[in-house]
C-alpha atoms as a PDB file:
ATOM      1  CA  MET A   1       8.080  -3.278  -1.547  1.00  0.00           C
ATOM      2  CA  LEU A   2       5.576  -2.201  -4.211  1.00  0.00           C
ATOM      3  CA  SER A   3       3.890  -5.093  -5.983  1.00  0.00           C
ATOM      4  CA  ARG A   4       3.066  -5.044  -9.681  1.00  0.00           C
ATOM      5  CA  ARG A   5      -0.643  -5.121  -8.818  1.00  0.00           C
ATOM      6  CA  HIS A   6      -0.237  -1.955  -6.784  1.00  0.00           C
ATOM      7  CA  LEU A   7       1.614  -0.360  -9.697  1.00  0.00           C
ATOM      8  CA  ARG A   8      -1.146  -1.381 -12.116  1.00  0.00           C
ATOM      9  CA  ILE A   9      -3.689   0.306  -9.851  1.00  0.00           C
ATOM     10  CA  LYS A  10      -1.605   3.480  -9.866  1.00  0.00           C
ATOM     11  CA  VAL A  11      -1.470   3.439 -13.679  1.00  0.00           C
ATOM     12  CA  MET A  12      -5.208   2.748 -13.862  1.00  0.00           C
ATOM     13  CA  GLN A  13      -5.941   5.747 -11.639  1.00  0.00           C
ATOM     14  CA  ALA A  14      -3.651   7.988 -13.692  1.00  0.00           C
ATOM     15  CA  LEU A  15      -5.261   6.865 -16.960  1.00  0.00           C
ATOM     16  CA  TYR A  16      -8.718   7.477 -15.538  1.00  0.00           C
ATOM     17  CA  ALA A  17      -7.687  10.992 -14.471  1.00  0.00           C
ATOM     18  CA  TYR A  18      -6.130  11.616 -17.887  1.00  0.00           C
ATOM     19  CA  ASN A  19      -9.300  10.507 -19.698  1.00  0.00           C
ATOM     20  CA  GLN A  20     -11.453  12.724 -17.491  1.00  0.00           C
ATOM     21  CA  ALA A  21      -9.305  15.820 -18.009  1.00  0.00           C
ATOM     22  CA  ASP A  22      -9.620  18.322 -20.836  1.00  0.00           C
ATOM     23  CA  ALA A  23      -5.876  18.865 -21.180  1.00  0.00           C
ATOM     24  CA  ASP A  24      -4.006  16.461 -23.458  1.00  0.00           C
ATOM     25  CA  ASN A  25      -0.738  16.553 -21.525  1.00  0.00           C
ATOM     26  CA  ILE A  26       0.839  13.107 -21.121  1.00  0.00           C
ATOM     27  CA  PRO A  27       4.054  14.326 -19.382  1.00  0.00           C
ATOM     28  CA  LEU A  28       2.028  16.221 -16.759  1.00  0.00           C
ATOM     29  CA  PHE A  29      -0.083  13.204 -15.841  1.00  0.00           C
ATOM     30  CA  GLU A  30       2.948  10.927 -15.935  1.00  0.00           C
ATOM     31  CA  ARG A  31       4.688  13.167 -13.396  1.00  0.00           C
ATOM     32  CA  GLU A  32       1.617  13.011 -11.153  1.00  0.00           C
ATOM     33  CA  LEU A  33       1.588   9.232 -11.537  1.00  0.00           C
ATOM     34  CA  LEU A  34       5.206   8.910 -10.423  1.00  0.00           C
ATOM     35  CA  LYS A  35       4.612  11.362  -7.578  1.00  0.00           C
ATOM     36  CA  SER A  36       1.709   9.252  -6.283  1.00  0.00           C
ATOM     37  CA  ILE A  37       3.910   6.143  -6.373  1.00  0.00           C
ATOM     38  CA  TYR A  38       6.724   7.736  -4.390  1.00  0.00           C
ATOM     39  CA  LYS A  39       4.218   9.124  -1.867  1.00  0.00           C
ATOM     40  CA  THR A  40       3.380   5.563  -0.787  1.00  0.00           C
ATOM     41  CA  GLU A  41       6.720   5.468   1.059  1.00  0.00           C
ATOM     42  CA  GLU A  42       5.485   8.338   3.210  1.00  0.00           C
ATOM     43  CA  LEU A  43       2.305   6.417   4.065  1.00  0.00           C
ATOM     44  CA  PHE A  44       4.443   3.407   5.026  1.00  0.00           C
ATOM     45  CA  ILE A  45       6.384   5.559   7.507  1.00  0.00           C
ATOM     46  CA  TYR A  46       3.179   7.172   8.812  1.00  0.00           C
ATOM     47  CA  PHE A  47       1.680   3.782   9.687  1.00  0.00           C
ATOM     48  CA  ILE A  48       4.799   2.717  11.577  1.00  0.00           C
ATOM     49  CA  SER A  49       5.029   6.095  13.316  1.00  0.00           C
ATOM     50  CA  ALA A  50       1.505   5.621  14.712  1.00  0.00           C
ATOM     51  CA  LEU A  51       2.683   2.417  16.369  1.00  0.00           C
ATOM     52  CA  LEU A  52       5.720   4.174  17.817  1.00  0.00           C
ATOM     53  CA  GLU A  53       3.523   6.985  19.117  1.00  0.00           C
ATOM     54  CA  LEU A  54       1.603   4.540  21.310  1.00  0.00           C
ATOM     55  CA  ARG A  55       4.802   3.552  23.120  1.00  0.00           C
ATOM     56  CA  GLN A  56       5.905   7.167  23.447  1.00  0.00           C
ATOM     57  CA  PHE A  57       2.514   8.193  24.788  1.00  0.00           C
ATOM     58  CA  ALA A  58       2.694   5.400  27.380  1.00  0.00           C
ATOM     59  CA  GLU A  59       6.135   6.609  28.472  1.00  0.00           C
ATOM     60  CA  LYS A  60       4.943  10.213  28.679  1.00  0.00           C
ATOM     61  CA  THR A  61       1.878   9.197  30.730  1.00  0.00           C
ATOM     62  CA  LEU A  62       4.012   7.273  33.227  1.00  0.00           C
ATOM     63  CA  ASN A  63       6.436  10.176  33.617  1.00  0.00           C
ATOM     64  CA  GLU A  64       3.587  12.629  34.186  1.00  0.00           C
ATOM     65  CA  ALA A  65       2.103  10.336  36.838  1.00  0.00           C
ATOM     66  CA  LYS A  66       5.443  10.261  38.682  1.00  0.00           C
ATOM     67  CA  ALA A  67       5.581  14.051  38.650  1.00  0.00           C
ATOM     68  CA  LYS A  68       2.156  14.493  40.236  1.00  0.00           C
ATOM     69  CA  ARG A  69       1.984  16.449  43.488  1.00  0.00           C
ATOM     70  CA  LEU A  70       0.786  13.377  45.364  1.00  0.00           C
ATOM     71  CA  PRO A  71       1.846  10.337  43.342  1.00  0.00           C
ATOM     72  CA  THR A  72       0.599   6.923  44.371  1.00  0.00           C
ATOM     73  CA  LYS A  73       2.819   3.917  44.983  1.00  0.00           C
ATOM     74  CA  GLU A  74       1.862   2.664  41.536  1.00  0.00           C
ATOM     75  CA  ASP A  75       2.749   6.041  40.031  1.00  0.00           C
ATOM     76  CA  LEU A  76       6.199   5.875  41.585  1.00  0.00           C
ATOM     77  CA  ASP A  77       6.814   2.246  40.697  1.00  0.00           C
ATOM     78  CA  PRO A  78       4.902   1.635  37.429  1.00  0.00           C
ATOM     79  CA  ASN A  79       4.915  -1.369  35.138  1.00  0.00           C
ATOM     80  CA  LEU A  80       7.308  -0.246  32.389  1.00  0.00           C
ATOM     81  CA  LYS A  81       7.010  -3.268  30.146  1.00  0.00           C
ATOM     82  CA  PHE A  82       5.210  -1.563  27.254  1.00  0.00           C
ATOM     83  CA  ALA A  83       7.062   1.731  27.671  1.00  0.00           C
ATOM     84  CA  ASN A  84      10.309  -0.248  27.452  1.00  0.00           C
ATOM     85  CA  ASN A  85       9.178  -2.489  24.587  1.00  0.00           C
ATOM     86  CA  ARG A  86      12.537  -3.422  23.035  1.00  0.00           C
ATOM     87  CA  PHE A  87      11.096  -4.099  19.606  1.00  0.00           C
ATOM     88  CA  LEU A  88       9.519  -0.629  19.322  1.00  0.00           C
ATOM     89  CA  LEU A  89      12.594   1.068  20.779  1.00  0.00           C
ATOM     90  CA  GLN A  90      14.730  -0.673  18.171  1.00  0.00           C
ATOM     91  CA  ILE A  91      12.555   0.736  15.385  1.00  0.00           C
ATOM     92  CA  GLU A  92      12.705   4.221  16.932  1.00  0.00           C
ATOM     93  CA  ASN A  93      16.504   4.055  17.122  1.00  0.00           C
ATOM     94  CA  ASN A  94      16.911   2.913  13.535  1.00  0.00           C
ATOM     95  CA  GLU A  95      18.803   5.593  11.595  1.00  0.00           C
ATOM     96  CA  GLY A  96      16.717   5.081   8.469  1.00  0.00           C
ATOM     97  CA  MET A  97      13.494   5.528  10.439  1.00  0.00           C
ATOM     98  CA  LYS A  98      14.799   8.703  12.106  1.00  0.00           C
ATOM     99  CA  LYS A  99      15.775  10.104   8.723  1.00  0.00           C
ATOM    100  CA  ALA A 100      12.428   9.210   7.153  1.00  0.00           C
ATOM    101  CA  LEU A 101      10.447  10.777  10.003  1.00  0.00           C
ATOM    102  CA  ASN A 102      12.478  13.957   9.558  1.00  0.00           C
ATOM    103  CA  THR A 103      12.298  13.926   5.749  1.00  0.00           C
ATOM    104  CA  PHE A 104       8.511  13.579   5.692  1.00  0.00           C
ATOM    105  CA  LYS A 105       8.116  15.876   8.723  1.00  0.00           C
ATOM    106  CA  ILE A 106       5.915  13.318  10.447  1.00  0.00           C
ATOM    107  CA  HIS A 107       4.569  14.229  13.865  1.00  0.00           C
ATOM    108  CA  TRP A 108       1.423  13.645  15.916  1.00  0.00           C
ATOM    109  CA  VAL A 109       1.513  16.742  18.145  1.00  0.00           C
ATOM    110  CA  GLU A 110      -1.803  18.020  16.800  1.00  0.00           C
ATOM    111  CA  TYR A 111      -3.366  14.592  17.121  1.00  0.00           C
ATOM    112  CA  GLU A 112      -2.387  13.638  20.656  1.00  0.00           C
ATOM    113  CA  GLU A 113      -6.063  13.075  21.527  1.00  0.00           C
ATOM    114  CA  LEU A 114      -6.283  10.495  18.754  1.00  0.00           C
ATOM    115  CA  ILE A 115      -3.227   8.652  20.107  1.00  0.00           C
ATOM    116  CA  LYS A 116      -4.654   8.900  23.625  1.00  0.00           C
ATOM    117  CA  LYS A 117      -7.928   7.273  22.507  1.00  0.00           C
ATOM    118  CA  LEU A 118      -6.041   4.423  20.875  1.00  0.00           C
ATOM    119  CA  TYR A 119      -3.787   4.022  23.913  1.00  0.00           C
ATOM    120  CA  LEU A 120      -6.766   3.821  26.290  1.00  0.00           C
ATOM    121  CA  LYS A 121      -8.459   1.252  24.044  1.00  0.00           C
ATOM    122  CA  MET A 122      -5.282  -0.806  23.965  1.00  0.00           C
ATOM    123  CA  ARG A 123      -4.678  -0.493  27.723  1.00  0.00           C
ATOM    124  CA  SER A 124      -8.175  -1.753  28.544  1.00  0.00           C
ATOM    125  CA  SER A 125      -7.847  -4.838  26.329  1.00  0.00           C
ATOM    126  CA  ASP A 126      -7.302  -8.354  27.665  1.00  0.00           C
ATOM    127  CA  SER A 127      -4.275  -8.822  25.394  1.00  0.00           C
ATOM    128  CA  PHE A 128      -2.568  -5.764  26.915  1.00  0.00           C
ATOM    129  CA  LYS A 129      -3.273  -6.909  30.462  1.00  0.00           C
ATOM    130  CA  GLU A 130      -1.919 -10.370  29.677  1.00  0.00           C
ATOM    131  CA  TYR A 131       1.223  -8.925  28.066  1.00  0.00           C
ATOM    132  CA  MET A 132       1.875  -6.625  31.026  1.00  0.00           C
ATOM    133  CA  SER A 133       1.441  -9.450  33.563  1.00  0.00           C
ATOM    134  CA  THR A 134       4.114 -11.816  32.216  1.00  0.00           C
ATOM    135  CA  GLY A 135       7.256 -10.152  33.530  1.00  0.00           C
ATOM    136  CA  GLU A 136      10.155  -8.830  31.516  1.00  0.00           C
ATOM    137  CA  GLY A 137       9.691 -11.317  28.688  1.00  0.00           C
ATOM    138  CA  SER A 138      11.768 -11.334  25.504  1.00  0.00           C
ATOM    139  CA  PHE A 139      12.358  -9.369  22.315  1.00  0.00           C
ATOM    140  CA  GLU A 140      10.214 -11.924  20.469  1.00  0.00           C
ATOM    141  CA  GLU A 141       7.331 -11.375  22.914  1.00  0.00           C
ATOM    142  CA  ASP A 142       7.674  -7.611  22.518  1.00  0.00           C
ATOM    143  CA  ARG A 143       7.582  -7.983  18.727  1.00  0.00           C
ATOM    144  CA  GLU A 144       4.584 -10.316  18.799  1.00  0.00           C
ATOM    145  CA  PHE A 145       2.639  -7.906  20.995  1.00  0.00           C
ATOM    146  CA  ALA A 146       3.606  -4.868  18.885  1.00  0.00           C
ATOM    147  CA  ILE A 147       2.359  -6.614  15.737  1.00  0.00           C
ATOM    148  CA  LYS A 148      -0.844  -7.613  17.539  1.00  0.00           C
ATOM    149  CA  ILE A 149      -1.628  -4.029  18.566  1.00  0.00           C
ATOM    150  CA  TYR A 150      -0.710  -2.754  15.092  1.00  0.00           C
ATOM    151  CA  LYS A 151      -3.335  -5.052  13.594  1.00  0.00           C
ATOM    152  CA  ALA A 152      -5.918  -4.274  16.274  1.00  0.00           C
ATOM    153  CA  TYR A 153      -5.549  -0.503  16.730  1.00  0.00           C
ATOM    154  CA  ILE A 154      -3.790   0.949  13.682  1.00  0.00           C
ATOM    155  CA  ALA A 155      -4.082  -1.075  10.464  1.00  0.00           C
ATOM    156  CA  ASP A 156      -7.865  -0.722  10.079  1.00  0.00           C
ATOM    157  CA  GLU A 157      -8.551   1.954  12.677  1.00  0.00           C
ATOM    158  CA  GLU A 158     -11.021   4.478  11.275  1.00  0.00           C
ATOM    159  CA  LEU A 159      -9.512   7.371  13.254  1.00  0.00           C
ATOM    160  CA  ILE A 160      -6.058   6.682  11.814  1.00  0.00           C
ATOM    161  CA  LEU A 161      -7.343   6.252   8.266  1.00  0.00           C
ATOM    162  CA  HIS A 162      -9.305   9.496   8.519  1.00  0.00           C
ATOM    163  CA  ARG A 163      -6.114  11.259   9.637  1.00  0.00           C
ATOM    164  CA  PHE A 164      -4.242   9.905   6.610  1.00  0.00           C
ATOM    165  CA  GLU A 165      -7.073  10.844   4.269  1.00  0.00           C
ATOM    166  CA  GLU A 166      -6.736  14.443   5.479  1.00  0.00           C
ATOM    167  CA  ILE A 167      -3.075  14.359   4.447  1.00  0.00           C
ATOM    168  CA  ASN A 168      -3.583  12.728   1.051  1.00  0.00           C
ATOM    169  CA  ILE A 169      -7.034  11.795  -0.235  1.00  0.00           C
ATOM    170  CA  HIS A 170      -5.504   9.389  -2.761  1.00  0.00           C
ATOM    171  CA  TRP A 171      -4.016   7.199  -0.020  1.00  0.00           C
ATOM    172  CA  SER A 172      -7.334   5.395   0.474  1.00  0.00           C
ATOM    173  CA  ASP A 173      -6.450   2.988  -2.341  1.00  0.00           C
ATOM    174  CA  ASP A 174      -3.015   2.355  -0.819  1.00  0.00           C
ATOM    175  CA  TRP A 175      -4.017   1.370   2.729  1.00  0.00           C
ATOM    176  CA  TYR A 176      -4.529  -2.324   2.035  1.00  0.00           C
ATOM    177  CA  PHE A 177      -1.203  -2.737   0.241  1.00  0.00           C
ATOM    178  CA  ILE A 178       0.834  -0.582   2.615  1.00  0.00           C
ATOM    179  CA  ASN A 179      -0.480  -2.436   5.654  1.00  0.00           C
ATOM    180  CA  GLY A 180       0.768  -5.646   4.096  1.00  0.00           C
ATOM    181  CA  TYR A 181       4.206  -4.091   3.525  1.00  0.00           C
ATOM    182  CA  VAL A 182       4.323  -2.800   7.111  1.00  0.00           C
ATOM    183  CA  LEU A 183       3.437  -6.183   8.594  1.00  0.00           C
ATOM    184  CA  ASN A 184       6.056  -7.929   6.461  1.00  0.00           C
ATOM    185  CA  HIS A 185       8.647  -5.387   7.594  1.00  0.00           C
ATOM    186  CA  LEU A 186       7.752  -5.761  11.279  1.00  0.00           C
ATOM    187  CA  LYS A 187       7.980  -9.546  11.068  1.00  0.00           C
ATOM    188  CA  GLU A 188      11.450  -9.365   9.515  1.00  0.00           C
ATOM    189  CA  ILE A 189      13.016  -7.142  12.211  1.00  0.00           C
ATOM    190  CA  LYS A 190      15.496  -9.062  14.381  1.00  0.00           C
ATOM    191  CA  GLU A 191      17.003  -8.260  17.752  1.00  0.00           C
ATOM    192  CA  SER A 192      20.461  -8.481  16.182  1.00  0.00           C
ATOM    193  CA  ASP A 193      19.712  -5.786  13.576  1.00  0.00           C
ATOM    194  CA  SER A 194      22.010  -2.783  13.800  1.00  0.00           C
ATOM    195  CA  PRO A 195      20.660   0.802  13.974  1.00  0.00           C
ATOM    196  CA  GLU A 196      22.159   1.348  10.519  1.00  0.00           C
ATOM    197  CA  LYS A 197      20.071  -1.366   8.869  1.00  0.00           C
ATOM    198  CA  SER A 198      18.242   0.124   5.883  1.00  0.00           C
ATOM    199  CA  LEU A 199      14.480   0.365   5.633  1.00  0.00           C
ATOM    200  CA  PRO A 200      12.852  -1.694   2.845  1.00  0.00           C
ATOM    201  CA  ASN A 201      13.289  -0.339  -0.676  1.00  0.00           C
ATOM    202  CA  LEU A 202      10.175   1.117  -2.262  1.00  0.00           C
ATOM    203  CA  PHE A 203      10.770  -0.971  -5.406  1.00  0.00           C
ATOM    204  CA  LYS A 204      11.909  -4.527  -5.991  1.00  0.00           C
ATOM    205  CA  ASP A 205      13.794  -3.245  -9.047  1.00  0.00           C
ATOM    206  CA  GLU A 206      13.304   0.505  -9.461  1.00  0.00           C
ATOM    207  CA  ASP A 207      14.431   0.803 -13.099  1.00  0.00           C
ATOM    208  CA  ASP A 208      12.366  -2.195 -14.208  1.00  0.00           C
ATOM    209  CA  ASP A 209       9.276  -1.151 -12.247  1.00  0.00           C
ATOM    210  CA  LEU A 210       9.395   2.452 -13.492  1.00  0.00           C
ATOM    211  CA  ASP A 211       9.860   1.276 -17.080  1.00  0.00           C
ATOM    212  CA  PHE A 212       6.775  -0.900 -16.615  1.00  0.00           C
ATOM    213  CA  VAL A 213       4.725   1.962 -15.141  1.00  0.00           C
ATOM    214  CA  LYS A 214       5.716   4.583 -17.722  1.00  0.00           C
ATOM    215  CA  GLY A 215       5.423   2.172 -20.623  1.00  0.00           C
ATOM    216  CA  LEU A 216       1.985   0.934 -19.592  1.00  0.00           C
ATOM    217  CA  PHE A 217       0.725   4.476 -19.040  1.00  0.00           C
ATOM    218  CA  ARG A 218       2.086   6.024 -22.232  1.00  0.00           C
ATOM    219  CA  LYS A 219       1.422   3.156 -24.632  1.00  0.00           C
ATOM    220  CA  THR A 220      -2.159   2.676 -23.434  1.00  0.00           C
ATOM    221  CA  ILE A 221      -2.802   6.334 -24.279  1.00  0.00           C
ATOM    222  CA  ILE A 222      -0.927   6.286 -27.593  1.00  0.00           C
ATOM    223  CA  ASN A 223      -2.721   3.134 -28.796  1.00  0.00           C
ATOM    224  CA  ASN A 224      -6.097   4.067 -27.309  1.00  0.00           C
ATOM    225  CA  ASP A 225      -8.044   4.206 -30.603  1.00  0.00           C
ATOM    226  CA  GLU A 226      -6.586   0.930 -31.858  1.00  0.00           C
ATOM    227  CA  TYR A 227      -7.379  -0.857 -28.592  1.00  0.00           C
ATOM    228  CA  GLN A 228     -10.896   0.638 -28.558  1.00  0.00           C
ATOM    229  CA  SER A 229     -11.595  -0.700 -32.032  1.00  0.00           C
ATOM    230  CA  THR A 230     -10.142  -4.119 -31.185  1.00  0.00           C
ATOM    231  CA  ILE A 231     -12.397  -4.439 -28.122  1.00  0.00           C
ATOM    232  CA  ILE A 232     -15.565  -3.288 -29.896  1.00  0.00           C
ATOM    233  CA  LYS A 233     -15.078  -5.898 -32.648  1.00  0.00           C
ATOM    234  CA  GLN A 234     -15.187  -8.638 -30.022  1.00  0.00           C
ATOM    235  CA  ALA A 235     -18.094  -7.151 -28.047  1.00  0.00           C
ATOM    236  CA  LYS A 236     -20.615  -7.912 -30.781  1.00  0.00           C
ATOM    237  CA  ASN A 237     -23.616  -8.172 -28.464  1.00  0.00           C
ATOM    238  CA  TRP A 238     -22.827  -4.930 -26.659  1.00  0.00           C
ATOM    239  CA  GLU A 239     -23.396  -1.359 -27.735  1.00  0.00           C
ATOM    240  CA  GLU A 240     -20.272   0.750 -27.159  1.00  0.00           C
ATOM    241  CA  ASP A 241     -22.081   3.118 -24.781  1.00  0.00           C
ATOM    242  CA  ARG A 242     -23.263   0.165 -22.659  1.00  0.00           C
ATOM    243  CA  ILE A 243     -19.707  -0.903 -21.806  1.00  0.00           C
ATOM    244  CA  ALA A 244     -18.521   0.610 -18.534  1.00  0.00           C
ATOM    245  CA  MET A 245     -15.708   3.142 -18.942  1.00  0.00           C
ATOM    246  CA  MET A 246     -13.600   1.262 -16.386  1.00  0.00           C
ATOM    247  CA  ASP A 247     -14.078  -1.995 -18.301  1.00  0.00           C
ATOM    248  CA  PHE A 248     -12.740  -0.319 -21.433  1.00  0.00           C
ATOM    249  CA  LEU A 249      -9.819   1.097 -19.486  1.00  0.00           C
ATOM    250  CA  LEU A 250      -8.860  -2.221 -17.880  1.00  0.00           C
ATOM    251  CA  MET A 251      -9.102  -4.091 -21.180  1.00  0.00           C
ATOM    252  CA  LYS A 252      -6.977  -1.481 -22.957  1.00  0.00           C
ATOM    253  CA  MET A 253      -4.337  -1.800 -20.247  1.00  0.00           C
ATOM    254  CA  ALA A 254      -4.484  -5.586 -20.563  1.00  0.00           C
ATOM    255  CA  ILE A 255      -4.021  -5.457 -24.358  1.00  0.00           C
ATOM    256  CA  CYS A 256      -1.127  -3.039 -23.948  1.00  0.00           C
ATOM    257  CA  GLU A 257       0.517  -5.347 -21.422  1.00  0.00           C
ATOM    258  CA  LEU A 258      -0.011  -8.399 -23.629  1.00  0.00           C
ATOM    259  CA  GLU A 259       1.537  -6.698 -26.645  1.00  0.00           C
ATOM    260  CA  GLU A 260       4.205  -4.442 -25.179  1.00  0.00           C
ATOM    261  CA  PHE A 261       5.669  -6.411 -22.251  1.00  0.00           C
ATOM    262  CA  PRO A 262       7.172  -9.675 -23.509  1.00  0.00           C
ATOM    263  CA  THR A 263       8.438 -10.827 -20.085  1.00  0.00           C
ATOM    264  CA  VAL A 264       4.991 -10.740 -18.416  1.00  0.00           C
ATOM    265  CA  PRO A 265       3.197 -14.095 -18.824  1.00  0.00           C
ATOM    266  CA  ILE A 266      -0.203 -13.999 -20.546  1.00  0.00           C
ATOM    267  CA  LYS A 267      -1.876 -15.775 -17.637  1.00  0.00           C
ATOM    268  CA  VAL A 268      -0.535 -13.209 -15.168  1.00  0.00           C
ATOM    269  CA  THR A 269      -1.918 -10.308 -17.233  1.00  0.00           C
ATOM    270  CA  LEU A 270      -5.313 -11.987 -17.624  1.00  0.00           C
ATOM    271  CA  ASN A 271      -5.615 -12.784 -13.920  1.00  0.00           C
ATOM    272  CA  GLU A 272      -4.463  -9.325 -12.796  1.00  0.00           C
ATOM    273  CA  TYR A 273      -7.025  -7.367 -14.796  1.00  0.00           C
ATOM    274  CA  ILE A 274      -9.860  -9.705 -13.874  1.00  0.00           C
ATOM    275  CA  GLU A 275      -8.917  -9.155 -10.210  1.00  0.00           C
ATOM    276  CA  LEU A 276      -8.817  -5.384 -10.677  1.00  0.00           C
ATOM    277  CA  SER A 277     -12.276  -5.450 -12.256  1.00  0.00           C
ATOM    278  CA  LYS A 278     -13.710  -7.025  -9.090  1.00  0.00           C
ATOM    279  CA  ASN A 279     -12.741  -3.993  -6.999  1.00  0.00           C
ATOM    280  CA  TYR A 280     -12.937  -1.154  -9.495  1.00  0.00           C
ATOM    281  CA  SER A 281     -15.773  -1.902 -11.916  1.00  0.00           C
ATOM    282  CA  THR A 282     -19.265  -3.420 -12.019  1.00  0.00           C
ATOM    283  CA  PRO A 283     -20.382  -6.800 -10.568  1.00  0.00           C
ATOM    284  CA  LYS A 284     -20.578  -8.268 -14.080  1.00  0.00           C
ATOM    285  CA  SER A 285     -17.241  -6.877 -15.264  1.00  0.00           C
ATOM    286  CA  LYS A 286     -15.207  -9.918 -14.252  1.00  0.00           C
ATOM    287  CA  LEU A 287     -17.079 -12.239 -16.634  1.00  0.00           C
ATOM    288  CA  PHE A 288     -17.292  -9.639 -19.386  1.00  0.00           C
ATOM    289  CA  ILE A 289     -13.586  -8.758 -19.358  1.00  0.00           C
ATOM    290  CA  ASN A 290     -12.574 -12.414 -19.062  1.00  0.00           C
ATOM    291  CA  GLY A 291     -14.756 -13.287 -22.060  1.00  0.00           C
ATOM    292  CA  ILE A 292     -13.421 -10.487 -24.275  1.00  0.00           C
ATOM    293  CA  LEU A 293      -9.752 -11.114 -23.419  1.00  0.00           C
ATOM    294  CA  ASP A 294     -10.175 -14.870 -23.897  1.00  0.00           C
ATOM    295  CA  LYS A 295     -11.333 -14.200 -27.458  1.00  0.00           C
ATOM    296  CA  LEU A 296      -8.691 -11.545 -28.108  1.00  0.00           C
ATOM    297  CA  ILE A 297      -5.597 -13.433 -26.985  1.00  0.00           C
ATOM    298  CA  PRO A 298      -5.576 -16.086 -29.761  1.00  0.00           C
ATOM    299  CA  LEU A 299      -6.368 -13.414 -32.365  1.00  0.00           C
ATOM    300  CA  LEU A 300      -3.523 -11.176 -31.217  1.00  0.00           C
ATOM    301  CA  LYS A 301      -1.190 -14.177 -31.216  1.00  0.00           C
ATOM    302  CA  ALA A 302      -2.215 -15.062 -34.769  1.00  0.00           C
ATOM    303  CA  GLU A 303      -1.546 -11.471 -35.868  1.00  0.00           C
ATOM    304  CA  GLY A 304       1.917 -11.652 -34.329  1.00  0.00           C
ATOM    305  CA  LYS A 305       1.138  -8.935 -31.787  1.00  0.00           C
ATOM    306  CA  ILE A 306       1.856 -11.113 -28.746  1.00  0.00           C
ATOM    307  CA  ASN A 307       5.446 -12.317 -28.594  1.00  0.00           C
ATOM    308  CA  LYS A 308       6.592 -13.520 -25.192  1.00  0.00           C
ATOM    309  CA  SER A 309      10.153 -14.213 -24.075  1.00  0.00           C
ATOM    310  CA  GLY A 310      12.034 -15.126 -20.889  1.00  0.00           C
ATOM    311  CA  ARG A 311       9.684 -15.134 -17.906  1.00  0.00           C
ATOM    312  CA  GLY A 312       6.828 -14.276 -20.228  1.00  0.00           C
ATOM    313  CA  LEU A 313       6.890 -17.794 -21.689  1.00  0.00           C
ATOM    314  CA  LYS A 314       5.660 -19.293 -18.410  1.00  0.00           C
ATOM    315  CA  GLU A 315       2.099 -20.566 -18.519  1.00  0.00           C
END
């Protein structure tokens, strides 16, 4: 589930925190790094649970209407299409989802007003009215509508994101990635799936990904002075104190990856850190980092410090 770009961001954040701290304790910051990575699974479940809460709130509202002292005809014979959405019920009945909700102790009891606001927004929309007017429909229609309301009322909903920020302030950098993982998961669910079907794994290859994360974090710190000197030699027209701290950090990570990870192609490393600079450094960082790394790569090759193998040989 976690992409290498997401993992690079996690390492970048941990290195930034390490550099800002007074304590020189690599194991401590490495533990915090790994903890932040595993916490993304909780955010994944939280996002899905918000979608499930909308269906449950609809069901609760219909039941309360039936129990009124003087229910209307509509109260007694409501349109149950959304409350009986087969796609959402299948997710709720998945054993892995039940276990995850229990493990992370996820509930929305204190935030029922938030769910109510989202439900009322959804219920007043044209897409909801159209969905409710088409009869019983199919599992595929239920899934399509569930994904539509996830995108419209959960994925980028400020109220939801504020709720998650209260739980974990560091999740703000995970929202974009986790939403992508959630949407991919929702699209892959089939009507024929059994309740025992496992939820997506957090890692594509846990051992390989954790080796990458720990190696990139530790070796960037250990070789910090060497990487600093290497960068400054190539930044001839720049005073050291004029180079943004984040630019230094990203370039050090890039050098570490070029030298220490033979199976990662050079082009992939170059592209990844240029992309990260767009979101996490200055407007001019992209060109600056690209220019420095372009000059460094042939020099590091000539010194025998870049030796690629396997997948790393791909251009």
